[in-house]
Amino acid sequence: MAFKIDKAEFVNRTFRMPKKLVDMMEYVCNQKNISMNKLVLLCIEYALNDLEEED
């Protein structure tokens, strides 16, 4: 059996966000020592996992 490393697939997108929100995110990134990309991924995953179902 050969050693295989699976490569994650990524897609680039561009979003516009209010400066105040980006400033708040940068503050969190600095406090937690994480990248902006990591914070955005964590926030989106959290929001989607806790999204309320509509009737």
N, C-alpha and C. Protein backbone atom coordinates (compact mmCIF):
# COMPACT_ATOMS: atom_id res chain seq x y z
N MET A 1 0.85 -1.19 0.00
CA MET A 1 0.00 0.00 0.00
C MET A 1 0.89 1.24 0.00
N ALA A 2 0.65 2.14 -0.92
CA ALA A 2 1.43 3.36 -1.04
C ALA A 2 0.95 4.41 -0.05
N PHE A 3 1.88 5.22 0.38
CA PHE A 3 1.57 6.34 1.27
C PHE A 3 0.89 7.43 0.45
N LYS A 4 -0.27 7.87 0.87
CA LYS A 4 -1.03 8.86 0.12
C LYS A 4 -1.47 10.00 1.04
N ILE A 5 -1.29 11.21 0.58
CA ILE A 5 -1.72 12.39 1.33
C ILE A 5 -2.89 13.01 0.56
N ASP A 6 -4.06 13.02 1.18
CA ASP A 6 -5.23 13.64 0.55
C ASP A 6 -5.12 15.15 0.63
N LYS A 7 -5.44 15.78 -0.46
CA LYS A 7 -5.37 17.24 -0.53
C LYS A 7 -6.78 17.81 -0.43
N ALA A 8 -6.96 18.74 0.50
CA ALA A 8 -8.27 19.40 0.66
C ALA A 8 -8.52 20.32 -0.53
N GLU A 9 -9.77 20.41 -0.92
CA GLU A 9 -10.14 21.28 -2.03
C GLU A 9 -10.63 22.61 -1.48
N PHE A 10 -10.13 23.69 -2.03
CA PHE A 10 -10.51 25.02 -1.59
C PHE A 10 -11.04 25.83 -2.76
N VAL A 11 -11.89 26.79 -2.47
CA VAL A 11 -12.44 27.70 -3.46
C VAL A 11 -12.23 29.12 -2.97
N ASN A 12 -11.79 30.00 -3.84
CA ASN A 12 -11.62 31.41 -3.48
C ASN A 12 -12.89 32.19 -3.78
N ARG A 13 -13.30 33.02 -2.84
CA ARG A 13 -14.45 33.90 -3.00
C ARG A 13 -14.08 35.26 -2.41
N THR A 14 -14.77 36.28 -2.86
CA THR A 14 -14.55 37.63 -2.34
C THR A 14 -15.86 38.13 -1.73
N PHE A 15 -15.77 38.68 -0.53
CA PHE A 15 -16.94 39.21 0.17
C PHE A 15 -16.64 40.62 0.64
N ARG A 16 -17.66 41.46 0.63
CA ARG A 16 -17.54 42.81 1.19
C ARG A 16 -18.14 42.78 2.59
N MET A 17 -17.41 43.35 3.53
CA MET A 17 -17.89 43.38 4.92
C MET A 17 -17.68 44.79 5.47
N PRO A 18 -18.54 45.18 6.39
CA PRO A 18 -18.37 46.49 7.03
C PRO A 18 -17.04 46.57 7.77
N LYS A 19 -16.40 47.72 7.69
CA LYS A 19 -15.09 47.91 8.35
C LYS A 19 -15.16 47.60 9.83
N LYS A 20 -16.24 47.99 10.48
CA LYS A 20 -16.37 47.74 11.92
C LYS A 20 -16.32 46.24 12.21
N LEU A 21 -16.96 45.43 11.39
CA LEU A 21 -16.94 43.98 11.57
C LEU A 21 -15.53 43.43 11.36
N VAL A 22 -14.85 43.90 10.32
CA VAL A 22 -13.48 43.44 10.05
C VAL A 22 -12.56 43.85 11.19
N ASP A 23 -12.73 45.04 11.72
CA ASP A 23 -11.92 45.48 12.86
C ASP A 23 -12.13 44.58 14.06
N MET A 24 -13.38 44.22 14.31
CA MET A 24 -13.68 43.32 15.43
C MET A 24 -13.04 41.94 15.20
N MET A 25 -13.11 41.48 13.97
CA MET A 25 -12.52 40.17 13.64
C MET A 25 -11.00 40.21 13.79
N GLU A 26 -10.37 41.29 13.36
CA GLU A 26 -8.92 41.43 13.51
C GLU A 26 -8.51 41.43 14.98
N TYR A 27 -9.33 42.07 15.81
CA TYR A 27 -9.05 42.07 17.25
C TYR A 27 -9.08 40.65 17.81
N VAL A 28 -10.10 39.88 17.43
CA VAL A 28 -10.21 38.49 17.89
C VAL A 28 -9.03 37.67 17.39
N CYS A 29 -8.67 37.85 16.13
CA CYS A 29 -7.53 37.12 15.57
C CYS A 29 -6.25 37.40 16.35
N ASN A 30 -6.03 38.66 16.69
CA ASN A 30 -4.84 39.02 17.46
C ASN A 30 -4.89 38.44 18.87
N GLN A 31 -6.05 38.45 19.49
CA GLN A 31 -6.19 37.92 20.85
C GLN A 31 -6.01 36.41 20.88
N LYS A 32 -6.52 35.72 19.86
CA LYS A 32 -6.48 34.25 19.82
C LYS A 32 -5.29 33.71 19.03
N ASN A 33 -4.52 34.62 18.42
CA ASN A 33 -3.36 34.24 17.62
C ASN A 33 -3.75 33.25 16.50
N ILE A 34 -4.79 33.61 15.75
CA ILE A 34 -5.22 32.80 14.62
C ILE A 34 -5.34 33.70 13.39
N SER A 35 -5.36 33.08 12.23
CA SER A 35 -5.48 33.85 10.99
C SER A 35 -6.92 34.31 10.78
N MET A 36 -7.08 35.33 9.97
CA MET A 36 -8.40 35.82 9.62
C MET A 36 -9.16 34.70 8.90
N ASN A 37 -8.49 33.98 8.02
CA ASN A 37 -9.14 32.89 7.29
C ASN A 37 -9.70 31.84 8.25
N LYS A 38 -8.91 31.47 9.24
CA LYS A 38 -9.35 30.46 10.23
C LYS A 38 -10.57 30.97 10.99
N LEU A 39 -10.55 32.23 11.41
CA LEU A 39 -11.68 32.79 12.15
C LEU A 39 -12.94 32.79 11.28
N VAL A 40 -12.81 33.19 10.03
CA VAL A 40 -13.97 33.21 9.13
C VAL A 40 -14.54 31.80 8.97
N LEU A 41 -13.68 30.82 8.75
CA LEU A 41 -14.14 29.43 8.62
C LEU A 41 -14.86 28.96 9.88
N LEU A 42 -14.29 29.24 11.04
CA LEU A 42 -14.91 28.84 12.30
C LEU A 42 -16.28 29.49 12.48
N CYS A 43 -16.37 30.78 12.17
CA CYS A 43 -17.64 31.51 12.33
C CYS A 43 -18.71 30.97 11.38
N ILE A 44 -18.33 30.73 10.14
CA ILE A 44 -19.30 30.23 9.17
C ILE A 44 -19.76 28.82 9.53
N GLU A 45 -18.83 27.95 9.90
CA GLU A 45 -19.21 26.59 10.29
C GLU A 45 -20.14 26.61 11.50
N TYR A 46 -19.82 27.43 12.48
CA TYR A 46 -20.65 27.55 13.67
C TYR A 46 -22.06 28.01 13.31
N ALA A 47 -22.14 29.06 12.49
CA ALA A 47 -23.44 29.62 12.10
C ALA A 47 -24.26 28.59 11.32
N LEU A 48 -23.64 27.90 10.39
CA LEU A 48 -24.38 26.92 9.58
C LEU A 48 -24.82 25.72 10.40
N ASN A 49 -24.00 25.29 11.34
CA ASN A 49 -24.37 24.15 12.19
C ASN A 49 -25.49 24.48 13.16
N ASP A 50 -25.62 25.76 13.53
CA ASP A 50 -26.64 26.17 14.48
C ASP A 50 -27.77 26.95 13.83
N LEU A 51 -27.90 26.83 12.52
CA LEU A 51 -28.94 27.51 11.78
C LEU A 51 -30.30 26.92 12.12
N GLU A 52 -31.25 27.78 12.49
CA GLU A 52 -32.58 27.30 12.82
C GLU A 52 -33.33 26.89 11.56
N GLU A 53 -34.03 25.80 11.63
CA GLU A 53 -34.84 25.33 10.51
C GLU A 53 -36.13 26.13 10.45
N GLU A 54 -36.54 26.51 9.25
CA GLU A 54 -37.82 27.21 9.08
C GLU A 54 -38.91 26.19 8.87
N ASP A 55 -40.11 26.51 9.35
CA ASP A 55 -41.24 25.59 9.17
C ASP A 55 -41.77 25.62 7.76
